[in-house]
């Protein structure tokens, strides 16, 4: 439901979004009550899958250095990728756009 809401969010008004959310919540609890015979209105029962989202992984202070290196490397690779995309787009505009048959071959 949330994926469909995310895809259609640009076409929905805030009033419609709140109606869709309320309708989904009512439908969920109605089905939950019909299936189980009881309705619990607490935060632990709002999802069908009960998840344990606590993190049991510990790291040390020296690991932060490697996290920073990984972040810098990701930033550098991302900027190189953006540079390549900009240059590729400039080449396409210069050589492919004026010629209609090249646009057909490119697609």
PDB file of N, CA and C in Angstrom:
ATOM      1  N   UNK A   1       0.829  -1.180   0.000  1.00  0.00           N
ATOM      2  CA  UNK A   1       0.000   0.000   0.000  1.00  0.00           C
ATOM      3  C   UNK A   1       0.874   1.244   0.000  1.00  0.00           C
ATOM      4  N   UNK A   2       1.920   1.239   0.798  1.00  0.00           N
ATOM      5  CA  UNK A   2       2.782   2.414   0.842  1.00  0.00           C
ATOM      6  C   UNK A   2       3.529   2.619  -0.462  1.00  0.00           C
ATOM      7  N   UNK A   3       3.865   1.534  -1.176  1.00  0.00           N
ATOM      8  CA  UNK A   3       4.525   1.681  -2.467  1.00  0.00           C
ATOM      9  C   UNK A   3       3.594   2.345  -3.468  1.00  0.00           C
ATOM     10  N   UNK A   4       2.343   1.928  -3.487  1.00  0.00           N
ATOM     11  CA  UNK A   4       1.367   2.550  -4.388  1.00  0.00           C
ATOM     12  C   UNK A   4       1.156   4.006  -4.014  1.00  0.00           C
ATOM     13  N   UNK A   5       1.123   4.302  -2.728  1.00  0.00           N
ATOM     14  CA  UNK A   5       0.972   5.678  -2.283  1.00  0.00           C
ATOM     15  C   UNK A   5       2.172   6.513  -2.709  1.00  0.00           C
ATOM     16  N   UNK A   6       3.360   5.942  -2.610  1.00  0.00           N
ATOM     17  CA  UNK A   6       4.566   6.661  -3.005  1.00  0.00           C
ATOM     18  C   UNK A   6       4.578   6.946  -4.505  1.00  0.00           C
ATOM     19  N   UNK A   7       4.121   6.008  -5.302  1.00  0.00           N
ATOM     20  CA  UNK A   7       4.108   6.201  -6.749  1.00  0.00           C
ATOM     21  C   UNK A   7       3.087   7.248  -7.170  1.00  0.00           C
ATOM     22  N   UNK A   8       1.976   7.335  -6.466  1.00  0.00           N
ATOM     23  CA  UNK A   8       0.906   8.250  -6.860  1.00  0.00           C
ATOM     24  C   UNK A   8       0.912   9.550  -6.067  1.00  0.00           C
ATOM     25  N   UNK A   9       1.915   9.758  -5.240  1.00  0.00           N
ATOM     26  CA  UNK A   9       1.911  10.896  -4.322  1.00  0.00           C
ATOM     27  C   UNK A   9       1.913  12.231  -5.055  1.00  0.00           C
ATOM     28  N   UNK A  10       2.493  12.298  -6.236  1.00  0.00           N
ATOM     29  CA  UNK A  10       2.548  13.576  -6.933  1.00  0.00           C
ATOM     30  C   UNK A  10       1.183  13.972  -7.486  1.00  0.00           C
ATOM     31  N   UNK A  11       0.265  13.031  -7.622  1.00  0.00           N
ATOM     32  CA  UNK A  11      -1.058  13.331  -8.143  1.00  0.00           C
ATOM     33  C   UNK A  11      -2.089  13.501  -7.037  1.00  0.00           C
ATOM     34  N   UNK A  12      -1.736  13.195  -5.792  1.00  0.00           N
ATOM     35  CA  UNK A  12      -2.687  13.237  -4.698  1.00  0.00           C
ATOM     36  C   UNK A  12      -2.596  14.571  -3.971  1.00  0.00           C
ATOM     37  N   UNK A  13      -3.734  15.040  -3.496  1.00  0.00           N
ATOM     38  CA  UNK A  13      -3.739  16.181  -2.591  1.00  0.00           C
ATOM     39  C   UNK A  13      -3.540  15.656  -1.172  1.00  0.00           C
ATOM     40  N   UNK A  14      -3.241  16.545  -0.252  1.00  0.00           N
ATOM     41  CA  UNK A  14      -3.028  16.104   1.134  1.00  0.00           C
ATOM     42  C   UNK A  14      -4.317  15.548   1.727  1.00  0.00           C
ATOM     43  N   UNK A  15      -5.450  16.067   1.312  1.00  0.00           N
ATOM     44  CA  UNK A  15      -6.728  15.552   1.793  1.00  0.00           C
ATOM     45  C   UNK A  15      -6.946  14.113   1.336  1.00  0.00           C
ATOM     46  N   UNK A  16      -6.583  13.825   0.089  1.00  0.00           N
ATOM     47  CA  UNK A  16      -6.754  12.477  -0.428  1.00  0.00           C
ATOM     48  C   UNK A  16      -5.765  11.511   0.221  1.00  0.00           C
ATOM     49  N   UNK A  17      -4.548  11.976   0.489  1.00  0.00           N
ATOM     50  CA  UNK A  17      -3.545  11.119   1.142  1.00  0.00           C
ATOM     51  C   UNK A  17      -4.032  10.713   2.531  1.00  0.00           C
ATOM     52  N   UNK A  18      -4.587  11.670   3.273  1.00  0.00           N
ATOM     53  CA  UNK A  18      -5.072  11.324   4.611  1.00  0.00           C
ATOM     54  C   UNK A  18      -6.260  10.366   4.532  1.00  0.00           C
ATOM     55  N   UNK A  19      -7.101  10.510   3.527  1.00  0.00           N
ATOM     56  CA  UNK A  19      -8.223   9.581   3.365  1.00  0.00           C
ATOM     57  C   UNK A  19      -7.733   8.179   3.017  1.00  0.00           C
ATOM     58  N   UNK A  20      -6.740   8.092   2.143  1.00  0.00           N
ATOM     59  CA  UNK A  20      -6.194   6.784   1.768  1.00  0.00           C
ATOM     60  C   UNK A  20      -5.551   6.110   2.974  1.00  0.00           C
ATOM     61  N   UNK A  21      -4.807   6.873   3.761  1.00  0.00           N
ATOM     62  CA  UNK A  21      -4.157   6.307   4.938  1.00  0.00           C
ATOM     63  C   UNK A  21      -5.198   5.815   5.944  1.00  0.00           C
ATOM     64  N   UNK A  22      -6.217   6.629   6.201  1.00  0.00           N
ATOM     65  CA  UNK A  22      -7.258   6.236   7.146  1.00  0.00           C
ATOM     66  C   UNK A  22      -8.006   5.002   6.653  1.00  0.00           C
ATOM     67  N   UNK A  23      -8.294   4.950   5.362  1.00  0.00           N
ATOM     68  CA  UNK A  23      -8.984   3.793   4.797  1.00  0.00           C
ATOM     69  C   UNK A  23      -8.146   2.528   4.933  1.00  0.00           C
ATOM     70  N   UNK A  24      -6.853   2.633   4.660  1.00  0.00           N
ATOM     71  CA  UNK A  24      -5.972   1.464   4.795  1.00  0.00           C
ATOM     72  C   UNK A  24      -5.884   1.003   6.242  1.00  0.00           C
ATOM     73  N   UNK A  25      -5.805   1.944   7.173  1.00  0.00           N
ATOM     74  CA  UNK A  25      -5.734   1.567   8.580  1.00  0.00           C
ATOM     75  C   UNK A  25      -7.025   0.886   9.031  1.00  0.00           C
ATOM     76  N   UNK A  26      -8.172   1.409   8.618  1.00  0.00           N
ATOM     77  CA  UNK A  26      -9.455   0.799   8.986  1.00  0.00           C
ATOM     78  C   UNK A  26      -9.574  -0.594   8.374  1.00  0.00           C
ATOM     79  N   UNK A  27      -9.172  -0.733   7.115  1.00  0.00           N
ATOM     80  CA  UNK A  27      -9.238  -2.043   6.463  1.00  0.00           C
ATOM     81  C   UNK A  27      -8.316  -3.041   7.151  1.00  0.00           C
ATOM     82  N   UNK A  28      -7.125  -2.594   7.543  1.00  0.00           N
ATOM     83  CA  UNK A  28      -6.195  -3.496   8.228  1.00  0.00           C
ATOM     84  C   UNK A  28      -6.790  -3.994   9.538  1.00  0.00           C
ATOM     85  N   UNK A  29      -7.317  -3.075  10.350  1.00  0.00           N
ATOM     86  CA  UNK A  29      -7.857  -3.485  11.640  1.00  0.00           C
ATOM     87  C   UNK A  29      -9.124  -4.316  11.484  1.00  0.00           C
ATOM     88  N   UNK A  30      -9.921  -4.038  10.473  1.00  0.00           N
ATOM     89  CA  UNK A  30     -11.120  -4.846  10.236  1.00  0.00           C
ATOM     90  C   UNK A  30     -10.724  -6.276   9.887  1.00  0.00           C
ATOM     91  N   UNK A  31      -9.759  -6.436   9.003  1.00  0.00           N
ATOM     92  CA  UNK A  31      -9.301  -7.780   8.649  1.00  0.00           C
ATOM     93  C   UNK A  31      -8.618  -8.469   9.825  1.00  0.00           C
ATOM     94  N   UNK A  32      -7.864  -7.713  10.604  1.00  0.00           N
ATOM     95  CA  UNK A  32      -7.196  -8.274  11.770  1.00  0.00           C
ATOM     96  C   UNK A  32      -8.234  -8.772  12.777  1.00  0.00           C
ATOM     97  N   UNK A  33      -9.301  -7.994  12.980  1.00  0.00           N
ATOM     98  CA  UNK A  33     -10.344  -8.388  13.918  1.00  0.00           C
ATOM     99  C   UNK A  33     -11.100  -9.612  13.403  1.00  0.00           C
ATOM    100  N   UNK A  34     -11.384  -9.661  12.113  1.00  0.00           N
ATOM    101  CA  UNK A  34     -12.110 -10.805  11.558  1.00  0.00           C
ATOM    102  C   UNK A  34     -11.275 -12.079  11.589  1.00  0.00           C
ATOM    103  N   UNK A  35      -9.978 -11.936  11.425  1.00  0.00           N
ATOM    104  CA  UNK A  35      -9.105 -13.118  11.398  1.00  0.00           C
ATOM    105  C   UNK A  35      -8.812 -13.629  12.795  1.00  0.00           C
ATOM    106  N   UNK A  36      -8.514 -12.724  13.728  1.00  0.00           N
ATOM    107  CA  UNK A  36      -8.072 -13.121  15.056  1.00  0.00           C
ATOM    108  C   UNK A  36      -9.211 -13.123  16.070  1.00  0.00           C
ATOM    109  N   UNK A  37     -10.202 -12.313  15.854  1.00  0.00           N
ATOM    110  CA  UNK A  37     -11.301 -12.230  16.803  1.00  0.00           C
ATOM    111  C   UNK A  37     -11.097 -11.202  17.881  1.00  0.00           C
ATOM    112  N   UNK A  38      -9.967 -10.575  17.912  1.00  0.00           N
ATOM    113  CA  UNK A  38      -9.712  -9.515  18.881  1.00  0.00           C
ATOM    114  C   UNK A  38      -8.922  -8.414  18.199  1.00  0.00           C
ATOM    115  N   UNK A  39      -9.079  -7.227  18.655  1.00  0.00           N
ATOM    116  CA  UNK A  39      -8.358  -6.092  18.072  1.00  0.00           C
ATOM    117  C   UNK A  39      -7.505  -5.447  19.150  1.00  0.00           C
ATOM    118  N   UNK A  40      -6.240  -5.343  18.893  1.00  0.00           N
ATOM    119  CA  UNK A  40      -5.333  -4.640  19.800  1.00  0.00           C
ATOM    120  C   UNK A  40      -4.911  -3.357  19.100  1.00  0.00           C
ATOM    121  N   UNK A  41      -5.085  -2.254  19.735  1.00  0.00           N
ATOM    122  CA  UNK A  41      -4.752  -0.971  19.130  1.00  0.00           C
ATOM    123  C   UNK A  41      -3.500  -0.392  19.771  1.00  0.00           C
ATOM    124  N   UNK A  42      -2.427  -1.129  19.725  1.00  0.00           N
ATOM    125  CA  UNK A  42      -1.154  -0.601  20.192  1.00  0.00           C
ATOM    126  C   UNK A  42      -0.166  -0.621  19.034  1.00  0.00           C
ATOM    127  N   UNK A  43       0.986  -0.019  19.263  1.00  0.00           N
ATOM    128  CA  UNK A  43       1.948   0.140  18.164  1.00  0.00           C
ATOM    129  C   UNK A  43       2.586  -1.180  17.744  1.00  0.00           C
ATOM    130  N   UNK A  44       2.573  -2.184  18.607  1.00  0.00           N
ATOM    131  CA  UNK A  44       3.210  -3.448  18.238  1.00  0.00           C
ATOM    132  C   UNK A  44       2.355  -4.270  17.294  1.00  0.00           C
ATOM    133  N   UNK A  45       1.052  -3.970  17.216  1.00  0.00           N
ATOM    134  CA  UNK A  45       0.183  -4.764  16.360  1.00  0.00           C
ATOM    135  C   UNK A  45      -0.145  -4.071  15.050  1.00  0.00           C
ATOM    136  N   UNK A  46       0.451  -2.938  14.775  1.00  0.00           N
ATOM    137  CA  UNK A  46       0.084  -2.198  13.573  1.00  0.00           C
ATOM    138  C   UNK A  46       0.695  -2.804  12.320  1.00  0.00           C
ATOM    139  N   UNK A  47       1.736  -3.594  12.452  1.00  0.00           N
ATOM    140  CA  UNK A  47       2.319  -4.271  11.303  1.00  0.00           C
ATOM    141  C   UNK A  47       2.038  -5.757  11.393  1.00  0.00           C
ATOM    142  N   UNK A  48       1.973  -6.378  10.249  1.00  0.00           N
ATOM    143  CA  UNK A  48       1.701  -7.805  10.228  1.00  0.00           C
ATOM    144  C   UNK A  48       2.925  -8.597  10.663  1.00  0.00           C
ATOM    145  N   UNK A  49       4.101  -8.093  10.365  1.00  0.00           N
ATOM    146  CA  UNK A  49       5.344  -8.782  10.686  1.00  0.00           C
ATOM    147  C   UNK A  49       5.965  -8.115  11.894  1.00  0.00           C
ATOM    148  N   UNK A  50       6.206  -8.891  12.924  1.00  0.00           N
ATOM    149  CA  UNK A  50       6.829  -8.357  14.126  1.00  0.00           C
ATOM    150  C   UNK A  50       8.344  -8.402  13.947  1.00  0.00           C
ATOM    151  N   UNK A  51       8.969  -7.249  13.967  1.00  0.00           N
ATOM    152  CA  UNK A  51      10.401  -7.150  13.716  1.00  0.00           C
ATOM    153  C   UNK A  51      11.118  -6.687  14.964  1.00  0.00           C
ATOM    154  N   UNK A  52      12.321  -7.197  15.140  1.00  0.00           N
ATOM    155  CA  UNK A  52      13.204  -6.716  16.190  1.00  0.00           C
ATOM    156  C   UNK A  52      14.236  -5.819  15.526  1.00  0.00           C
ATOM    157  N   UNK A  53      14.104  -4.527  15.689  1.00  0.00           N
ATOM    158  CA  UNK A  53      14.959  -3.580  14.975  1.00  0.00           C
ATOM    159  C   UNK A  53      16.124  -3.080  15.817  1.00  0.00           C
ATOM    160  N   UNK A  54      16.428  -3.775  16.899  1.00  0.00           N
ATOM    161  CA  UNK A  54      17.562  -3.355  17.700  1.00  0.00           C
ATOM    162  C   UNK A  54      18.849  -3.845  17.060  1.00  0.00           C
ATOM    163  N   UNK A  55      19.884  -3.064  17.183  1.00  0.00           N
ATOM    164  CA  UNK A  55      21.180  -3.382  16.576  1.00  0.00           C
ATOM    165  C   UNK A  55      22.104  -3.938  17.656  1.00  0.00           C
ATOM    166  N   UNK A  56      22.625  -5.120  17.398  1.00  0.00           N
ATOM    167  CA  UNK A  56      23.500  -5.765  18.371  1.00  0.00           C
ATOM    168  C   UNK A  56      24.952  -5.776  17.904  1.00  0.00           C
ATOM    169  N   UNK A  57      25.277  -4.938  16.933  1.00  0.00           N
ATOM    170  CA  UNK A  57      26.635  -4.876  16.391  1.00  0.00           C
ATOM    171  C   UNK A  57      27.370  -3.727  17.053  1.00  0.00           C
ATOM    172  N   UNK A  58      28.567  -4.005  17.511  1.00  0.00           N
ATOM    173  CA  UNK A  58      29.377  -2.938  18.106  1.00  0.00           C
ATOM    174  C   UNK A  58      30.606  -2.699  17.234  1.00  0.00           C
ATOM    175  N   UNK A  59      31.092  -1.479  17.261  1.00  0.00           N
ATOM    176  CA  UNK A  59      32.304  -1.158  16.523  1.00  0.00           C
ATOM    177  C   UNK A  59      33.193  -0.306  17.411  1.00  0.00           C
ATOM    178  N   UNK A  60      34.450  -0.229  17.035  1.00  0.00           N
ATOM    179  CA  UNK A  60      35.444   0.453  17.845  1.00  0.00           C
ATOM    180  C   UNK A  60      35.778   1.806  17.232  1.00  0.00           C
ATOM    181  N   UNK A  61      36.502   2.619  17.964  1.00  0.00           N
ATOM    182  CA  UNK A  61      36.828   3.978  17.515  1.00  0.00           C
ATOM    183  C   UNK A  61      37.664   3.958  16.240  1.00  0.00           C
ATOM    184  N   UNK A  62      38.540   2.979  16.088  1.00  0.00           N
ATOM    185  CA  UNK A  62      39.376   2.940  14.880  1.00  0.00           C
ATOM    186  C   UNK A  62      38.564   2.581  13.637  1.00  0.00           C
ATOM    187  N   UNK A  63      37.393   2.015  13.822  1.00  0.00           N
ATOM    188  CA  UNK A  63      36.543   1.713  12.669  1.00  0.00           C
ATOM    189  C   UNK A  63      35.999   2.975  12.016  1.00  0.00           C
ATOM    190  N   UNK A  64      35.874   4.055  12.767  1.00  0.00           N
ATOM    191  CA  UNK A  64      35.358   5.306  12.217  1.00  0.00           C
ATOM    192  C   UNK A  64      36.268   5.806  11.102  1.00  0.00           C
ATOM    193  N   UNK A  65      37.566   5.564  11.208  1.00  0.00           N
ATOM    194  CA  UNK A  65      38.501   5.936  10.144  1.00  0.00           C
ATOM    195  C   UNK A  65      38.120   5.250   8.833  1.00  0.00           C
ATOM    196  N   UNK A  66      37.820   3.965   8.901  1.00  0.00           N
ATOM    197  CA  UNK A  66      37.465   3.235   7.688  1.00  0.00           C
ATOM    198  C   UNK A  66      36.099   3.664   7.150  1.00  0.00           C
ATOM    199  N   UNK A  67      35.191   4.031   8.058  1.00  0.00           N
ATOM    200  CA  UNK A  67      33.901   4.563   7.613  1.00  0.00           C
ATOM    201  C   UNK A  67      34.099   5.871   6.852  1.00  0.00           C
ATOM    202  N   UNK A  68      35.005   6.712   7.357  1.00  0.00           N
ATOM    203  CA  UNK A  68      35.275   7.992   6.689  1.00  0.00           C
ATOM    204  C   UNK A  68      35.933   7.768   5.333  1.00  0.00           C
ATOM    205  N   UNK A  69      36.851   6.818   5.256  1.00  0.00           N
ATOM    206  CA  UNK A  69      37.496   6.497   3.977  1.00  0.00           C
ATOM    207  C   UNK A  69      36.447   5.991   2.981  1.00  0.00           C
ATOM    208  N   UNK A  70      35.578   5.123   3.438  1.00  0.00           N
ATOM    209  CA  UNK A  70      34.529   4.597   2.567  1.00  0.00           C
ATOM    210  C   UNK A  70      33.590   5.707   2.089  1.00  0.00           C
ATOM    211  N   UNK A  71      33.240   6.638   2.963  1.00  0.00           N
ATOM    212  CA  UNK A  71      32.397   7.767   2.578  1.00  0.00           C
ATOM    213  C   UNK A  71      33.068   8.671   1.567  1.00  0.00           C
ATOM    214  N   UNK A  72      34.365   8.954   1.763  1.00  0.00           N
ATOM    215  CA  UNK A  72      35.111   9.788   0.803  1.00  0.00           C
ATOM    216  C   UNK A  72      35.221   9.085  -0.544  1.00  0.00           C
ATOM    217  N   UNK A  73      35.490   7.797  -0.525  1.00  0.00           N
ATOM    218  CA  UNK A  73      35.591   7.039  -1.772  1.00  0.00           C
ATOM    219  C   UNK A  73      34.255   7.039  -2.513  1.00  0.00           C
ATOM    220  N   UNK A  74      33.170   6.865  -1.790  1.00  0.00           N
ATOM    221  CA  UNK A  74      31.852   6.919  -2.416  1.00  0.00           C
ATOM    222  C   UNK A  74      31.553   8.290  -2.999  1.00  0.00           C
ATOM    223  N   UNK A  75      31.952   9.354  -2.310  1.00  0.00           N
ATOM    224  CA  UNK A  75      31.751  10.704  -2.821  1.00  0.00           C
ATOM    225  C   UNK A  75      32.559  10.971  -4.080  1.00  0.00           C
ATOM    226  N   UNK A  76      33.808  10.502  -4.088  1.00  0.00           N
ATOM    227  CA  UNK A  76      34.662  10.697  -5.263  1.00  0.00           C
ATOM    228  C   UNK A  76      34.117   9.916  -6.452  1.00  0.00           C
ATOM    229  N   UNK A  77      33.747   8.657  -6.231  1.00  0.00           N
ATOM    230  CA  UNK A  77      33.193   7.861  -7.333  1.00  0.00           C
ATOM    231  C   UNK A  77      31.865   8.436  -7.835  1.00  0.00           C
ATOM    232  N   UNK A  78      31.058   8.957  -6.938  1.00  0.00           N
ATOM    233  CA  UNK A  78      29.799   9.581  -7.343  1.00  0.00           C
ATOM    234  C   UNK A  78      30.027  10.830  -8.172  1.00  0.00           C
ATOM    235  N   UNK A  79      31.005  11.647  -7.792  1.00  0.00           N
ATOM    236  CA  UNK A  79      31.278  12.854  -8.574  1.00  0.00           C
ATOM    237  C   UNK A  79      31.866  12.506  -9.939  1.00  0.00           C
ATOM    238  N   UNK A  80      32.678  11.457 -10.022  1.00  0.00           N
ATOM    239  CA  UNK A  80      33.195  11.010 -11.321  1.00  0.00           C
ATOM    240  C   UNK A  80      32.051  10.515 -12.196  1.00  0.00           C
ATOM    241  N   UNK A  81      31.118   9.781 -11.616  1.00  0.00           N
ATOM    242  CA  UNK A  81      29.963   9.309 -12.368  1.00  0.00           C
ATOM    243  C   UNK A  81      29.132  10.477 -12.892  1.00  0.00           C
ATOM    244  N   UNK A  82      28.897  11.484 -12.040  1.00  0.00           N
ATOM    245  CA  UNK A  82      28.131  12.649 -12.477  1.00  0.00           C
ATOM    246  C   UNK A  82      28.855  13.396 -13.595  1.00  0.00           C
ATOM    247  N   UNK A  83      30.168  13.510 -13.516  1.00  0.00           N
ATOM    248  CA  UNK A  83      30.949  14.158 -14.565  1.00  0.00           C
ATOM    249  C   UNK A  83      30.825  13.401 -15.879  1.00  0.00           C
ATOM    250  N   UNK A  84      30.898  12.076 -15.819  1.00  0.00           N
ATOM    251  CA  UNK A  84      30.750  11.266 -17.032  1.00  0.00           C
ATOM    252  C   UNK A  84      29.358  11.422 -17.643  1.00  0.00           C
ATOM    253  N   UNK A  85      28.328  11.465 -16.812  1.00  0.00           N
ATOM    254  CA  UNK A  85      26.967  11.625 -17.322  1.00  0.00           C
ATOM    255  C   UNK A  85      26.788  12.980 -17.985  1.00  0.00           C
ATOM    256  N   UNK A  86      27.330  14.041 -17.384  1.00  0.00           N
ATOM    257  CA  UNK A  86      27.231  15.380 -17.977  1.00  0.00           C
ATOM    258  C   UNK A  86      27.951  15.427 -19.316  1.00  0.00           C
ATOM    259  N   UNK A  87      29.156  14.871 -19.380  1.00  0.00           N
ATOM    260  CA  UNK A  87      29.907  14.877 -20.641  1.00  0.00           C
ATOM    261  C   UNK A  87      29.221  14.026 -21.706  1.00  0.00           C
ATOM    262  N   UNK A  88      28.659  12.888 -21.308  1.00  0.00           N
ATOM    263  CA  UNK A  88      27.941  12.033 -22.258  1.00  0.00           C
ATOM    264  C   UNK A  88      26.710  12.753 -22.810  1.00  0.00           C
ATOM    265  N   UNK A  89      26.017  13.481 -21.943  1.00  0.00           N
ATOM    266  CA  UNK A  89      24.847  14.230 -22.380  1.00  0.00           C
ATOM    267  C   UNK A  89      25.231  15.342 -23.344  1.00  0.00           C
ATOM    268  N   UNK A  90      26.335  16.023 -23.084  1.00  0.00           N
ATOM    269  CA  UNK A  90      26.805  17.069 -24.005  1.00  0.00           C
ATOM    270  C   UNK A  90      27.151  16.481 -25.366  1.00  0.00           C
ATOM    271  N   UNK A  91      27.788  15.307 -25.379  1.00  0.00           N
ATOM    272  CA  UNK A  91      28.105  14.660 -26.650  1.00  0.00           C
ATOM    273  C   UNK A  91      26.835  14.253 -27.395  1.00  0.00           C
ATOM    274  N   UNK A  92      25.856  13.745 -26.660  1.00  0.00           N
ATOM    275  CA  UNK A  92      24.595  13.351 -27.305  1.00  0.00           C
ATOM    276  C   UNK A  92      23.876  14.552 -27.889  1.00  0.00           C
ATOM    277  N   UNK A  93      23.876  15.675 -27.166  1.00  0.00           N
ATOM    278  CA  UNK A  93      23.218  16.877 -27.670  1.00  0.00           C
ATOM    279  C   UNK A  93      23.927  17.387 -28.915  1.00  0.00           C
ATOM    280  N   UNK A  94      25.239  17.294 -28.912  1.00  0.00           N
ATOM    281  CA  UNK A  94      26.025  17.831 -30.035  1.00  0.00           C
ATOM    282  C   UNK A  94      25.929  16.954 -31.279  1.00  0.00           C
ATOM    283  N   UNK A  95      26.006  15.637 -31.114  1.00  0.00           N
ATOM    284  CA  UNK A  95      26.111  14.757 -32.279  1.00  0.00           C
ATOM    285  C   UNK A  95      24.819  14.013 -32.618  1.00  0.00           C
ATOM    286  N   UNK A  96      24.007  13.675 -31.644  1.00  0.00           N
ATOM    287  CA  UNK A  96      22.838  12.838 -31.908  1.00  0.00           C
ATOM    288  C   UNK A  96      21.595  13.687 -32.141  1.00  0.00           C
ATOM    289  N   UNK A  97      21.406  14.741 -31.382  1.00  0.00           N
ATOM    290  CA  UNK A  97      20.182  15.523 -31.453  1.00  0.00           C
ATOM    291  C   UNK A  97      19.915  16.140 -32.822  1.00  0.00           C
ATOM    292  N   UNK A  98      20.918  16.710 -33.543  1.00  0.00           N
ATOM    293  CA  UNK A  98      20.603  17.328 -34.841  1.00  0.00           C
ATOM    294  C   UNK A  98      20.162  16.331 -35.909  1.00  0.00           C
ATOM    295  N   UNK A  99      20.551  15.095 -35.782  1.00  0.00           N
ATOM    296  CA  UNK A  99      20.248  14.108 -36.816  1.00  0.00           C
ATOM    297  C   UNK A  99      19.136  13.188 -36.322  1.00  0.00           C
ATOM    298  N   UNK A 100      17.987  13.236 -36.985  1.00  0.00           N
ATOM    299  CA  UNK A 100      16.839  12.467 -36.554  1.00  0.00           C
ATOM    300  C   UNK A 100      17.046  10.967 -36.603  1.00  0.00           C
ATOM    301  N   UNK A 101      17.767  10.468 -37.625  1.00  0.00           N
ATOM    302  CA  UNK A 101      17.946   9.024 -37.747  1.00  0.00           C
ATOM    303  C   UNK A 101      18.841   8.482 -36.639  1.00  0.00           C
ATOM    304  N   UNK A 102      19.760   9.278 -36.124  1.00  0.00           N
ATOM    305  CA  UNK A 102      20.604   8.816 -35.001  1.00  0.00           C
ATOM    306  C   UNK A 102      19.782   8.683 -33.717  1.00  0.00           C
ATOM    307  N   UNK A 103      18.784   9.554 -33.561  1.00  0.00           N
ATOM    308  CA  UNK A 103      17.917   9.429 -32.385  1.00  0.00           C
ATOM    309  C   UNK A 103      17.125   8.133 -32.433  1.00  0.00           C
ATOM    310  N   UNK A 104      16.730   7.727 -33.633  1.00  0.00           N
ATOM    311  CA  UNK A 104      15.995   6.471 -33.787  1.00  0.00           C
ATOM    312  C   UNK A 104      16.925   5.292 -33.495  1.00  0.00           C
ATOM    313  N   UNK A 105      18.148   5.352 -33.974  1.00  0.00           N
ATOM    314  CA  UNK A 105      19.103   4.263 -33.733  1.00  0.00           C
ATOM    315  C   UNK A 105      19.506   4.200 -32.260  1.00  0.00           C
ATOM    316  N   UNK A 106      19.553   5.353 -31.604  1.00  0.00           N
ATOM    317  CA  UNK A 106      19.929   5.362 -30.200  1.00  0.00           C
ATOM    318  C   UNK A 106      18.866   4.685 -29.344  1.00  0.00           C
ATOM    319  N   UNK A 107      17.614   4.855 -29.687  1.00  0.00           N
ATOM    320  CA  UNK A 107      16.508   4.303 -28.879  1.00  0.00           C
ATOM    321  C   UNK A 107      16.442   2.834 -29.050  1.00  0.00           C
TER     322      UNK A 107
END
